[in-house]
Amino acid sequence: LKPNYAKMYNNIGNVLKDKEKLNEAIEAYKKALFIKPSLAEAHFNMGNVFKDQGNHEEAIKAYKKATSFKPEYVDAYNNMGNILKEEGKLEEAIATYNKIITIKPDYPDAYVNIGNALKDQGKLDKAIQTFKKVISLKPDYAEAYNNLGIALKDDGKNEEAIKAYKKAISLKPNYAEAYNSLGNALKDAYKIDKAIKFYKKVILLNPEHSDAHRNLSYIN
């Protein structure tokens, strides 16, 4: 079989994944890898499907295969780290994200993910410094400002958190999560009317946002 057929089956797998035909997508990726076992992209894409199916063990195996054939494959490391974080394996997740920084020191998502893992560990000072590092690399990264705000709020620095949330919103005016975070901080500051306004803004942007509905019901 021609090597080009491997890329063809990889592309077919991607189409099937987009159509949510996940088992058929896996079969297409397997065909690609039968033809060309070293096709890192097919291992990566198959890992993504396993991840979507909740099969974390197989997903991590696929991502490791992808990085074995393409050691600089930062997206594979990032997804692997996300699974480890989701499973509560925070030290392993942080080590995986740090591999990305070794390969690509200006990869902002890796720093955000490290900051989130540090926050989950209760290492708020380190988390805050990490989010600030992201912002120095990418000053228009709204999500980094929101996550910085959450870490600051958890550290008892509510006014600084409010500034961070407002910055996130200024960068991304339809950012529902930042409005919800801002509402939480204002509620804690007993600025209830303002908090209600921002929770309502969240629901306007995302009617299915359960946290905003719950927060609003608690206030009312």
Protein backbone atom coordinates (compact mmCIF):
# COMPACT_ATOMS: atom_id res chain seq x y z
CA LEU A 1 0.00 0.00 0.00
CA LYS A 2 1.20 3.51 -0.76
CA PRO A 3 2.24 5.72 2.19
CA ASN A 4 -0.15 8.42 0.94
CA TYR A 5 -3.01 6.05 1.76
CA ALA A 6 -2.07 6.41 5.44
CA LYS A 7 -2.74 10.16 5.33
CA MET A 8 -5.95 9.47 3.43
CA TYR A 9 -7.23 7.14 6.16
CA ASN A 10 -6.12 9.67 8.80
CA ASN A 11 -8.20 12.33 7.04
CA ILE A 12 -11.17 9.96 6.80
CA GLY A 13 -10.84 9.39 10.55
CA ASN A 14 -10.99 13.13 11.15
CA VAL A 15 -14.16 13.44 9.07
CA LEU A 16 -15.77 10.57 10.96
CA LYS A 17 -14.76 12.10 14.29
CA ASP A 18 -16.35 15.40 13.27
CA LYS A 19 -19.54 13.45 12.50
CA GLU A 20 -19.27 11.86 15.99
CA LYS A 21 -18.84 8.39 14.46
CA LEU A 22 -16.09 7.65 16.97
CA ASN A 23 -15.71 3.88 16.62
CA GLU A 24 -15.53 4.20 12.84
CA ALA A 25 -12.96 6.98 13.24
CA ILE A 26 -10.78 4.69 15.36
CA GLU A 27 -10.93 2.00 12.68
CA ALA A 28 -9.83 4.54 10.05
CA TYR A 29 -6.88 5.64 12.21
CA LYS A 30 -5.91 2.00 12.76
CA LYS A 31 -5.87 1.49 8.99
CA ALA A 32 -3.64 4.55 8.64
CA LEU A 33 -1.26 3.14 11.25
CA PHE A 34 -1.23 -0.32 9.67
CA ILE A 35 0.12 1.32 6.52
CA LYS A 36 2.42 3.76 8.33
CA PRO A 37 2.96 2.92 12.05
CA SER A 38 5.08 6.06 12.54
CA LEU A 39 2.32 8.51 11.53
CA ALA A 40 2.28 10.59 14.72
CA GLU A 41 -0.81 12.57 13.69
CA ALA A 42 -2.90 9.37 13.46
CA HIS A 43 -1.79 8.30 16.96
CA PHE A 44 -2.65 11.80 18.23
CA ASN A 45 -6.05 11.87 16.53
CA MET A 46 -6.88 8.40 17.81
CA GLY A 47 -5.92 9.58 21.30
CA ASN A 48 -8.38 12.43 20.96
CA VAL A 49 -11.17 10.01 20.07
CA PHE A 50 -10.34 7.75 23.03
CA LYS A 51 -10.34 10.87 25.22
CA ASP A 52 -13.78 11.85 23.91
CA GLN A 53 -15.00 8.32 24.73
CA GLY A 54 -13.66 8.61 28.27
CA ASN A 55 -11.07 5.89 27.64
CA HIS A 56 -8.20 7.70 29.32
CA GLU A 57 -5.84 4.73 29.44
CA GLU A 58 -5.94 4.17 25.68
CA ALA A 59 -5.81 7.92 25.03
CA ILE A 60 -2.59 8.27 27.01
CA LYS A 61 -1.08 5.26 25.22
CA ALA A 62 -1.90 6.88 21.87
CA TYR A 63 -0.44 10.25 22.91
CA LYS A 64 2.75 8.52 24.12
CA LYS A 65 3.02 6.78 20.76
CA ALA A 66 2.58 10.13 19.01
CA THR A 67 5.38 11.72 21.04
CA SER A 68 7.64 8.69 20.53
CA PHE A 69 7.51 9.29 16.78
CA LYS A 70 7.38 13.08 17.05
CA PRO A 71 9.15 14.14 20.28
CA GLU A 72 8.28 17.82 19.78
CA TYR A 73 4.51 17.11 19.56
CA VAL A 74 3.42 19.67 22.16
CA ASP A 75 -0.33 19.22 21.55
CA ALA A 76 -0.02 15.53 22.45
CA TYR A 77 1.78 16.38 25.69
CA ASN A 78 -0.82 19.04 26.44
CA ASN A 79 -3.74 16.64 25.99
CA MET A 80 -1.96 13.99 28.03
CA GLY A 81 -1.44 16.50 30.82
CA ASN A 82 -5.11 17.47 30.71
CA ILE A 83 -6.15 13.85 31.23
CA LEU A 84 -3.73 13.42 34.13
CA LYS A 85 -5.05 16.64 35.70
CA GLU A 86 -8.65 15.47 35.25
CA GLU A 87 -7.71 12.23 37.04
CA GLY A 88 -6.23 14.21 39.93
CA LYS A 89 -2.65 13.18 39.11
CA LEU A 90 -1.45 16.75 39.47
CA GLU A 91 2.29 16.19 39.85
CA GLU A 92 2.33 13.99 36.74
CA ALA A 93 0.26 16.56 34.89
CA ILE A 94 2.63 19.39 35.84
CA ALA A 95 5.65 17.30 34.76
CA THR A 96 3.96 16.66 31.41
CA TYR A 97 3.17 20.35 30.89
CA ASN A 98 6.78 21.20 31.79
CA LYS A 99 7.94 18.98 28.91
CA ILE A 100 6.06 21.32 26.60
CA ILE A 101 7.87 24.36 28.01
CA THR A 102 11.21 22.60 27.51
CA ILE A 103 10.29 22.12 23.83
CA LYS A 104 8.48 25.40 23.31
CA PRO A 105 9.08 27.97 26.08
CA ASP A 106 6.52 30.41 24.67
CA TYR A 107 3.58 27.94 24.62
CA PRO A 108 1.01 29.85 26.72
CA ASP A 109 -1.51 27.02 27.21
CA ALA A 110 1.09 24.96 29.06
CA TYR A 111 1.59 27.74 31.61
CA VAL A 112 -2.18 28.14 32.05
CA ASN A 113 -2.53 24.42 32.67
CA ILE A 114 0.37 24.41 35.14
CA GLY A 115 -1.23 27.36 36.93
CA ASN A 116 -4.56 25.52 37.16
CA ALA A 117 -2.87 22.39 38.52
CA LEU A 118 -0.94 24.45 41.10
CA LYS A 119 -4.20 26.14 42.11
CA ASP A 120 -5.82 22.72 42.56
CA GLN A 121 -2.89 21.78 44.80
CA GLY A 122 -3.53 24.88 46.90
CA LYS A 123 -0.20 26.42 45.84
CA LEU A 124 -1.81 29.78 45.16
CA ASP A 125 1.33 31.97 45.17
CA LYS A 126 2.95 29.74 42.54
CA ALA A 127 -0.29 29.61 40.53
CA ILE A 128 -0.57 33.42 40.55
CA GLN A 129 3.04 33.81 39.39
CA THR A 130 2.46 31.25 36.63
CA PHE A 131 -0.64 33.05 35.32
CA LYS A 132 1.31 36.32 35.35
CA LYS A 133 4.02 34.59 33.30
CA VAL A 134 1.38 33.60 30.72
CA ILE A 135 0.16 37.19 30.50
CA SER A 136 3.74 38.40 29.94
CA LEU A 137 3.97 35.98 27.00
CA LYS A 138 0.50 36.72 25.64
CA PRO A 139 -0.96 40.00 26.99
CA ASP A 140 -4.28 39.50 25.19
CA TYR A 141 -5.00 36.07 26.73
CA ALA A 142 -8.41 36.61 28.34
CA GLU A 143 -8.56 33.12 29.85
CA ALA A 144 -5.27 33.71 31.67
CA TYR A 145 -6.67 36.86 33.29
CA ASN A 146 -9.80 34.98 34.37
CA ASN A 147 -7.74 32.15 35.87
CA LEU A 148 -5.46 34.67 37.55
CA GLY A 149 -8.54 36.28 39.06
CA ILE A 150 -9.79 32.94 40.41
CA ALA A 151 -6.41 32.25 42.05
CA LEU A 152 -6.30 35.77 43.52
CA LYS A 153 -9.85 35.39 44.89
CA ASP A 154 -8.96 32.02 46.44
CA ASP A 155 -5.95 33.75 48.02
CA GLY A 156 -8.22 36.37 49.60
CA LYS A 157 -7.25 39.14 47.19
CA ASN A 158 -10.74 39.97 46.01
CA GLU A 159 -10.11 43.50 44.71
CA GLU A 160 -7.15 42.33 42.62
CA ALA A 161 -9.32 39.47 41.35
CA ILE A 162 -12.03 41.92 40.24
CA LYS A 163 -9.45 43.88 38.24
CA ALA A 164 -8.26 40.68 36.55
CA TYR A 165 -11.82 39.66 35.62
CA LYS A 166 -12.55 43.11 34.21
CA LYS A 167 -9.39 42.89 32.11
CA ALA A 168 -10.49 39.48 30.79
CA ILE A 169 -13.87 40.96 29.80
CA SER A 170 -12.25 43.96 28.13
CA LEU A 171 -10.22 41.54 25.98
CA LYS A 172 -13.15 39.20 25.30
CA PRO A 173 -16.48 41.02 25.76
CA ASN A 174 -18.61 37.87 25.33
CA TYR A 175 -16.61 35.79 27.82
CA ALA A 176 -19.36 34.26 29.98
CA GLU A 177 -16.97 32.60 32.48
CA ALA A 178 -15.31 35.91 33.30
CA TYR A 179 -18.69 37.58 33.92
CA ASN A 180 -19.61 34.70 36.24
CA SER A 181 -16.28 35.00 38.07
CA LEU A 182 -16.80 38.76 38.39
CA GLY A 183 -20.29 38.17 39.76
CA ASN A 184 -18.85 35.81 42.39
CA ALA A 185 -16.23 38.33 43.47
CA LEU A 186 -18.78 41.15 43.70
CA LYS A 187 -21.13 38.91 45.69
CA ASP A 188 -18.33 38.22 48.16
CA ALA A 189 -17.74 41.98 48.36
CA TYR A 190 -21.49 42.40 49.22
CA LYS A 191 -22.10 44.32 46.00
CA ILE A 192 -25.21 42.27 45.36
CA ASP A 193 -26.90 44.47 42.74
CA LYS A 194 -23.77 44.46 40.60
CA ALA A 195 -23.34 40.70 41.06
CA ILE A 196 -26.92 40.10 39.87
CA LYS A 197 -26.27 42.23 36.79
CA PHE A 198 -23.26 40.12 35.82
CA TYR A 199 -24.97 36.78 36.50
CA LYS A 200 -27.79 37.91 34.21
CA LYS A 201 -25.18 38.82 31.60
CA VAL A 202 -23.77 35.29 31.81
CA ILE A 203 -27.20 33.78 31.21
CA LEU A 204 -27.77 36.13 28.29
CA LEU A 205 -24.52 34.92 26.73
CA ASN A 206 -25.03 31.28 27.70
CA PRO A 207 -28.59 30.34 28.75
CA GLU A 208 -27.37 26.85 29.79
CA HIS A 209 -24.78 28.17 32.29
CA SER A 210 -25.76 26.22 35.41
CA ASP A 211 -23.41 28.07 37.80
CA ALA A 212 -24.88 31.46 36.91
CA HIS A 213 -28.45 30.17 37.36
CA ARG A 214 -27.50 28.65 40.73
CA ASN A 215 -25.69 31.81 41.88
CA LEU A 216 -28.63 33.96 40.89
CA SER A 217 -31.11 31.70 42.71
CA TYR A 218 -29.01 31.86 45.90
CA ILE A 219 -29.06 35.65 45.84
CA ASN A 220 -32.77 35.87 45.05
